[in-house]
Amino acid sequence: MQNISHISFLTPGNYADDAPGQGLEETLQLIELGETLGYDGAWVRQRHLEHGVSSASVFLAAATQRTRTIELGSAVIQMGYESPFRLAEDLLTVDVLSNGRLNVGLSAGAPNHVELIGDNVFHGDWRQQDFSYARLKKLQENLSGQFFGDDETYVISPGNRQRPRVQPASPQLLHRLWYGGNSHRSIQWAAENQFNLLIGNLTSAEVSSDYHQAQLALIHAFRQHWPANASRQPRIAAGRVIIPTDNASRATIKRYQDFAASRYQRTLEPQGPKRTIFSEDIVGSSEEIVAQLIDDPLLREVTEFRVELPYEFTNEEYSQIITDFIEGVAPHLGWKRKGR
C-alpha cells in the first residue's frame, strides 16, 4: 500500500489563439473544480510565446479569489527572464492574497527561446546575462523578509516611515519554494539550498537508462544533501501523466490511447544530447491504473503526487480526468480527503 497523503494536478492552461479569455477562464474553473473534489493542490505551467499561462503570478492572483483551501502552484518559472526583486514582490502579493497557499516551482539556466527573444528582453548582449543559480538565491533572499541597509535605514512616504524590505512580507513562502530538477547537479543544489523537489515524467540518464532507477537515485541524492541542521523536512512531489478512462466516451478513450501511443517510442531509450528519459503515459480504467501505481517504487519514496495533464486535451476532458483520478485512483494510494 502506498502512502500518498497529498495529491495535486498540473494543468497547461492552454487556449485557442483567438480566445485566450475563454481558455484562461476554463482553467480557473478547473482549479475551482479541483478544490470541490478535494484536491490538495493545483499547479499551472508557465510558458512563454505559447498558448498558455505566460505569467503564473498574475494568473494565480486571480485563482486566489476563486478558491479558499486548495494550494496554488507554478511549475516552473524560468528565472532567466525574471527580475529577482520584481518577481519577489509579485509572488509575495499572491501568497498574501491566498493566505499562504502559494507554491513556487523554479528553474535556473538559459531560458527557452532566449536566442530568439533575448534582445527584446535584456539591455545589452543577452549572452552576458547570468543564468546561474545565483538568480534563484537572490530571489530567495528577497522573499526572506530581510531589511535593506542598517538599523537606521528608513524609507519615507506620506504618513509612513518604515525600514525597507520587499513588500508585502510573507517569509513562510520560503518554505514553499520548489526546484524542478532532473540532474544530480541540480538536485544537490536544490537540497543544499533548501528548495523542495519537483520530479516529473522526464529525467536524466546520468545513473541509469531505466526511468524508475534514475529518479530513485535523484531522490536519494536529494535527501543525502539536505542539511542535517535544517529546521524542516523537505517536500518531494512526483508527477506523471495519468489518464483514467472510467467516465470517458468510447471516442474519447480512443483519443487518449492514440495520444499515449504517439509518445511511446520516446520512452524506449534516452533522447537527445542530454540523454533524457521519459516515463510511459498511463491510460486505462482506475482499476488498471491502480494496478500499475501500487507497485511503483517511486511512490513508496514520496507522500505527494501530481497528476500532469497533457497539452492536447479540452477542458471537459481535463475535468473528467481529474474527477476519475481523485474518485477512483487516489483512495487506493493511501490518500484521504482532508477533513474526513
Protein backbone atom coordinates (compact mmCIF):
# COMPACT_ATOMS: atom_id res chain seq x y z
CA MET A 1 0.00 0.00 0.00
CA GLN A 2 1.29 3.45 -0.92
CA ASN A 3 1.31 6.37 1.49
CA ILE A 4 0.29 9.28 -0.71
CA SER A 5 -1.29 11.93 1.51
CA HIS A 6 -1.17 14.97 -0.80
CA ILE A 7 -2.49 14.96 -4.38
CA SER A 8 -2.35 17.81 -6.87
CA PHE A 9 -2.82 18.26 -10.59
CA LEU A 10 -0.80 20.27 -13.09
CA THR A 11 -2.60 21.94 -15.99
CA PRO A 12 -1.13 23.71 -19.04
CA GLY A 13 -3.80 26.42 -19.02
CA ASN A 14 -3.96 26.34 -22.79
CA TYR A 15 -6.31 28.26 -25.07
CA ALA A 16 -7.11 28.97 -28.70
CA ASP A 17 -5.13 31.80 -30.29
CA ASP A 18 -8.28 33.82 -30.88
CA ALA A 19 -9.91 33.06 -27.50
CA PRO A 20 -7.39 33.49 -24.66
CA GLY A 21 -10.03 34.78 -22.25
CA GLN A 22 -12.15 31.67 -22.66
CA GLY A 23 -9.21 29.33 -22.11
CA LEU A 24 -7.92 31.13 -19.03
CA GLU A 25 -11.42 31.23 -17.57
CA GLU A 26 -11.80 27.49 -18.16
CA THR A 27 -8.52 26.91 -16.33
CA LEU A 28 -9.79 28.92 -13.37
CA GLN A 29 -12.96 26.81 -13.41
CA LEU A 30 -10.85 23.64 -13.48
CA ILE A 31 -9.00 24.80 -10.36
CA GLU A 32 -12.35 25.54 -8.68
CA LEU A 33 -13.49 22.02 -9.59
CA GLY A 34 -10.27 20.61 -8.16
CA GLU A 35 -10.96 22.32 -4.85
CA THR A 36 -14.53 20.99 -4.83
CA LEU A 37 -13.24 17.45 -5.48
CA GLY A 38 -10.83 17.73 -2.56
CA TYR A 39 -7.51 18.09 -4.36
CA ASP A 40 -4.75 19.39 -2.12
CA GLY A 41 -3.12 21.46 -4.85
CA ALA A 42 -3.49 22.85 -8.36
CA TRP A 43 -0.46 23.88 -10.41
CA VAL A 44 -0.16 25.74 -13.71
CA ARG A 45 2.70 25.64 -16.17
CA GLN A 46 4.33 28.97 -17.01
CA ARG A 47 5.12 29.10 -20.73
CA HIS A 48 6.45 31.90 -22.91
CA LEU A 49 5.42 32.57 -26.54
CA GLU A 50 2.82 29.79 -26.35
CA HIS A 51 -0.94 29.49 -25.87
CA GLY A 52 -0.75 29.09 -22.10
CA VAL A 53 -0.12 30.88 -18.83
CA SER A 54 2.70 33.33 -19.58
CA SER A 55 2.62 34.95 -16.13
CA ALA A 56 1.94 32.45 -13.35
CA SER A 57 1.90 35.08 -10.61
CA VAL A 58 -0.77 37.18 -12.36
CA PHE A 59 -2.90 34.15 -13.17
CA LEU A 60 -2.64 32.66 -9.69
CA ALA A 61 -3.58 36.01 -8.16
CA ALA A 62 -6.92 35.57 -9.93
CA ALA A 63 -7.14 31.98 -8.69
CA THR A 64 -6.72 33.14 -5.08
CA GLN A 65 -10.04 34.97 -5.37
CA ARG A 66 -11.88 31.93 -6.74
CA THR A 67 -10.68 29.40 -4.16
CA ARG A 68 -10.27 29.13 -0.40
CA THR A 69 -8.40 25.97 0.57
CA ILE A 70 -6.54 24.43 -2.35
CA GLU A 71 -2.79 25.11 -2.66
CA LEU A 72 -1.82 27.01 -5.82
CA GLY A 73 1.45 26.45 -7.63
CA SER A 74 3.58 27.47 -10.59
CA ALA A 75 5.72 24.88 -12.40
CA VAL A 76 8.14 26.10 -13.32
CA ILE A 77 9.18 29.75 -13.56
CA GLN A 78 12.41 30.05 -15.53
CA MET A 79 14.44 32.57 -13.55
CA GLY A 80 16.47 33.61 -16.58
CA TYR A 81 13.74 36.02 -17.71
CA GLU A 82 12.86 37.28 -14.25
CA SER A 83 13.97 40.13 -12.02
CA PRO A 84 14.57 38.56 -8.58
CA PHE A 85 13.26 41.76 -6.98
CA ARG A 86 10.11 42.30 -9.03
CA LEU A 87 9.21 38.62 -9.07
CA ALA A 88 9.56 38.55 -5.28
CA GLU A 89 7.05 41.41 -4.98
CA ASP A 90 4.59 39.59 -7.24
CA LEU A 91 4.92 36.23 -5.50
CA LEU A 92 4.61 37.72 -2.03
CA THR A 93 1.47 39.58 -3.10
CA VAL A 94 -0.07 36.33 -4.37
CA ASP A 95 0.89 34.49 -1.20
CA VAL A 96 -0.75 37.13 0.98
CA LEU A 97 -3.89 37.12 -1.19
CA SER A 98 -4.06 33.33 -0.89
CA ASN A 99 -3.50 33.30 2.89
CA GLY A 100 -0.30 31.31 2.48
CA ARG A 101 -1.35 28.79 -0.18
CA LEU A 102 1.23 29.60 -2.87
CA ASN A 103 3.90 27.14 -4.05
CA VAL A 104 6.58 28.34 -6.44
CA GLY A 105 8.42 26.00 -8.80
CA LEU A 106 11.63 27.44 -10.25
CA SER A 107 14.49 26.55 -12.56
CA ALA A 108 17.88 28.00 -13.45
CA GLY A 109 19.82 28.03 -16.72
CA ALA A 110 19.32 29.77 -20.04
CA PRO A 111 15.55 30.04 -20.57
CA ASN A 112 13.69 28.67 -23.57
CA HIS A 113 13.67 30.81 -26.72
CA VAL A 114 16.42 33.13 -25.44
CA GLU A 115 18.20 33.02 -28.82
CA LEU A 116 15.01 34.35 -30.39
CA ILE A 117 13.87 36.99 -27.91
CA GLY A 118 16.95 37.72 -25.80
CA ASP A 119 17.49 41.10 -27.48
CA ASN A 120 13.87 42.05 -26.66
CA VAL A 121 14.24 41.11 -23.01
CA PHE A 122 17.64 42.34 -21.91
CA HIS A 123 19.59 45.57 -22.23
CA GLY A 124 22.87 44.78 -23.93
CA ASP A 125 24.09 41.39 -25.08
CA TRP A 126 21.86 38.69 -23.58
CA ARG A 127 24.80 36.27 -23.82
CA GLN A 128 26.44 38.17 -20.97
CA GLN A 129 23.50 37.58 -18.62
CA ASP A 130 23.94 35.46 -15.52
CA PHE A 131 21.57 32.50 -15.86
CA SER A 132 23.10 30.60 -12.96
CA TYR A 133 21.66 29.51 -9.63
CA ALA A 134 22.65 32.95 -8.31
CA ARG A 135 19.37 34.39 -9.63
CA LEU A 136 17.43 31.90 -7.51
CA LYS A 137 19.49 32.74 -4.45
CA LYS A 138 18.76 36.43 -4.93
CA LEU A 139 15.03 35.67 -5.18
CA GLN A 140 15.28 33.59 -2.02
CA GLU A 141 16.92 36.49 -0.20
CA ASN A 142 14.25 38.93 -1.38
CA LEU A 143 11.49 36.63 -0.13
CA SER A 144 13.07 36.23 3.29
CA GLY A 145 11.78 39.49 4.76
CA GLN A 146 15.28 40.79 5.48
CA PHE A 147 15.69 44.56 5.68
CA PHE A 148 17.88 46.62 3.37
CA GLY A 149 20.52 48.88 4.84
CA ASP A 150 21.34 49.07 8.56
CA ASP A 151 19.16 49.55 11.65
CA GLU A 152 18.94 53.28 10.94
CA THR A 153 17.86 52.96 7.30
CA TYR A 154 14.29 54.07 6.62
CA VAL A 155 12.10 54.95 3.67
CA ILE A 156 9.66 57.82 3.95
CA SER A 157 6.30 58.11 2.26
CA PRO A 158 3.29 60.31 3.08
CA GLY A 159 2.15 59.33 6.55
CA ASN A 160 4.63 56.48 6.83
CA ARG A 161 8.20 55.85 7.96
CA GLN A 162 9.48 52.27 7.89
CA ARG A 163 12.52 50.09 7.49
CA PRO A 164 12.83 48.96 3.85
CA ARG A 165 12.25 45.39 2.71
CA VAL A 166 10.42 43.70 -0.13
CA GLN A 167 6.70 44.11 0.48
CA PRO A 168 4.31 42.61 1.37
CA ALA A 169 6.13 40.39 3.84
CA SER A 170 5.29 36.68 3.88
CA PRO A 171 8.54 34.93 4.87
CA GLN A 172 6.90 31.50 5.20
CA LEU A 173 6.81 31.42 1.40
CA LEU A 174 10.49 30.44 1.61
CA HIS A 175 9.33 27.01 2.79
CA ARG A 176 7.20 26.62 -0.33
CA LEU A 177 9.87 27.15 -2.97
CA TRP A 178 10.43 24.16 -5.24
CA TYR A 179 13.08 23.27 -7.77
CA GLY A 180 12.29 21.30 -10.91
CA GLY A 181 15.41 19.14 -11.02
CA ASN A 182 16.35 16.23 -13.27
CA SER A 183 20.14 16.06 -12.93
CA HIS A 184 22.36 15.28 -9.95
CA ARG A 185 23.95 18.72 -10.07
CA SER A 186 20.57 20.47 -9.84
CA ILE A 187 19.32 18.04 -7.21
CA GLN A 188 22.32 18.67 -4.99
CA TRP A 189 21.99 22.44 -5.32
CA ALA A 190 18.27 22.32 -4.53
CA ALA A 191 18.82 20.25 -1.40
CA GLU A 192 21.74 22.30 -0.09
CA ASN A 193 19.70 25.49 -0.55
CA GLN A 194 16.53 24.01 0.98
CA PHE A 195 14.24 24.05 -2.04
CA ASN A 196 11.56 21.36 -2.13
CA LEU A 197 11.83 18.93 -5.04
CA LEU A 198 9.60 18.55 -8.10
CA ILE A 199 10.21 15.46 -10.22
CA GLY A 200 8.07 14.83 -13.28
CA ASN A 201 7.72 12.47 -16.22
CA LEU A 202 11.24 13.10 -17.53
CA THR A 203 14.70 12.82 -16.04
CA SER A 204 18.35 12.48 -16.99
CA ALA A 205 20.01 9.12 -17.69
CA GLU A 206 23.11 10.01 -15.68
CA VAL A 207 22.93 6.93 -13.46
CA SER A 208 20.63 4.56 -15.32
CA SER A 209 18.65 4.31 -18.55
CA ASP A 210 15.74 2.99 -16.53
CA TYR A 211 13.32 5.80 -15.62
CA HIS A 212 12.48 4.47 -12.16
CA GLN A 213 16.06 3.75 -11.18
CA ALA A 214 17.24 7.14 -12.42
CA GLN A 215 14.60 9.00 -10.42
CA LEU A 216 15.15 6.90 -7.32
CA ALA A 217 18.82 7.88 -7.47
CA LEU A 218 17.84 11.55 -7.66
CA ILE A 219 15.55 11.27 -4.64
CA HIS A 220 18.21 9.52 -2.60
CA ALA A 221 20.81 12.14 -3.59
CA PHE A 222 18.42 14.94 -2.66
CA ARG A 223 17.84 13.51 0.81
CA GLN A 224 21.54 12.90 1.26
CA HIS A 225 22.37 16.56 0.58
CA TRP A 226 19.50 18.07 2.59
CA PRO A 227 21.17 19.90 5.53
CA ALA A 228 21.08 17.91 8.76
CA ASN A 229 20.52 21.11 10.72
CA ALA A 230 17.57 22.30 8.60
CA SER A 231 14.53 23.47 10.54
CA ARG A 232 12.14 21.35 8.47
CA GLN A 233 11.97 18.24 6.34
CA PRO A 234 11.79 18.67 2.56
CA ARG A 235 8.73 18.07 0.45
CA ILE A 236 9.18 15.85 -2.61
CA ALA A 237 6.42 15.60 -5.22
CA ALA A 238 6.40 13.05 -8.03
CA GLY A 239 4.43 13.76 -11.19
CA ARG A 240 3.15 11.55 -14.02
CA VAL A 241 0.83 11.78 -16.99
CA ILE A 242 -2.12 9.69 -15.78
CA ILE A 243 -5.32 9.43 -17.85
CA PRO A 244 -8.20 7.46 -16.31
CA THR A 245 -10.99 6.49 -18.68
CA ASP A 246 -13.84 5.49 -16.33
CA ASN A 247 -16.30 8.16 -17.43
CA ALA A 248 -14.88 8.95 -20.86
CA SER A 249 -16.78 8.20 -24.03
CA ARG A 250 -15.60 5.49 -26.39
CA ALA A 251 -14.33 8.13 -28.84
CA THR A 252 -12.51 9.97 -26.07
CA ILE A 253 -10.86 6.77 -24.84
CA LYS A 254 -9.59 6.15 -28.38
CA ARG A 255 -8.22 9.68 -28.44
CA TYR A 256 -6.42 9.12 -25.13
CA GLN A 257 -4.95 5.82 -26.32
CA ASP A 258 -3.76 7.35 -29.59
CA PHE A 259 -2.11 10.20 -27.65
CA ALA A 260 -0.18 7.79 -25.42
CA ALA A 261 0.78 5.60 -28.39
CA SER A 262 2.20 8.62 -30.23
CA ARG A 263 4.60 9.25 -27.31
CA TYR A 264 5.53 5.67 -26.52
CA GLN A 265 8.60 5.46 -28.78
CA ARG A 266 10.41 8.16 -26.79
CA THR A 267 10.21 6.04 -23.62
CA LEU A 268 12.28 3.19 -25.07
CA GLU A 269 15.71 4.86 -24.82
CA PRO A 270 17.33 8.13 -23.72
CA GLN A 271 16.59 11.02 -26.04
CA GLY A 272 18.87 13.77 -27.37
CA PRO A 273 22.28 15.05 -26.27
CA LYS A 274 21.10 15.40 -22.65
CA ARG A 275 20.01 11.72 -22.64
CA THR A 276 16.55 12.50 -21.34
CA ILE A 277 14.39 9.59 -20.18
CA PHE A 278 10.59 9.82 -20.35
CA SER A 279 8.11 7.80 -18.33
CA GLU A 280 5.33 5.99 -20.12
CA ASP A 281 1.91 7.66 -20.03
CA ILE A 282 -0.66 5.57 -18.16
CA VAL A 283 -4.10 5.28 -19.79
CA GLY A 284 -6.83 2.97 -18.54
CA SER A 285 -9.57 2.40 -16.03
CA SER A 286 -8.97 3.37 -12.42
CA GLU A 287 -8.51 -0.30 -11.59
CA GLU A 288 -5.83 -0.68 -14.28
CA ILE A 289 -4.04 2.49 -13.18
CA VAL A 290 -4.01 1.44 -9.52
CA ALA A 291 -2.53 -1.92 -10.52
CA GLN A 292 0.42 -0.11 -12.12
CA LEU A 293 0.93 2.57 -9.48
CA ILE A 294 0.63 0.30 -6.46
CA ASP A 295 3.92 -1.41 -7.37
CA ASP A 296 5.70 1.77 -8.45
CA PRO A 297 8.93 2.04 -6.39
CA LEU A 298 8.97 5.84 -6.71
CA LEU A 299 5.62 6.21 -4.99
CA ARG A 300 7.00 4.40 -1.97
CA GLU A 301 9.55 7.21 -1.61
CA VAL A 302 7.17 10.19 -1.63
CA THR A 303 3.96 11.31 0.03
CA GLU A 304 2.98 13.86 -2.64
CA PHE A 305 1.76 13.04 -6.14
CA ARG A 306 0.92 15.31 -9.05
CA VAL A 307 -1.32 14.34 -11.98
CA GLU A 308 0.15 16.02 -15.07
CA LEU A 309 -2.45 16.95 -17.68
CA PRO A 310 -1.34 16.86 -21.33
CA TYR A 311 -1.47 19.94 -23.53
CA GLU A 312 -3.64 18.42 -26.22
CA PHE A 313 -6.97 17.95 -24.43
CA THR A 314 -10.10 20.02 -23.82
CA ASN A 315 -11.30 21.44 -20.53
CA GLU A 316 -14.15 18.92 -20.50
CA GLU A 317 -11.60 16.12 -20.81
CA TYR A 318 -9.41 17.63 -18.08
CA SER A 319 -12.46 17.75 -15.79
CA GLN A 320 -13.22 14.09 -16.48
CA ILE A 321 -9.61 13.07 -15.86
CA ILE A 322 -9.18 14.81 -12.51
CA THR A 323 -12.62 13.63 -11.34
CA ASP A 324 -11.96 10.00 -12.23
CA PHE A 325 -8.49 10.10 -10.67
CA ILE A 326 -9.48 11.56 -7.32
CA GLU A 327 -12.53 9.30 -7.02
CA GLY A 328 -11.20 6.05 -8.49
CA VAL A 329 -7.43 6.06 -8.03
CA ALA A 330 -6.41 8.36 -5.17
CA PRO A 331 -8.05 6.40 -2.29
CA HIS A 332 -6.09 3.28 -3.29
CA LEU A 333 -2.81 5.19 -2.96
CA GLY A 334 -3.43 5.97 0.70
CA TRP A 335 -4.95 9.41 0.08
CA LYS A 336 -7.82 10.68 2.21
CA ARG A 337 -9.71 13.87 1.68
CA LYS A 338 -8.84 16.47 4.31
CA GLY A 339 -11.48 16.81 6.99
CA ARG A 340 -12.80 13.30 6.51
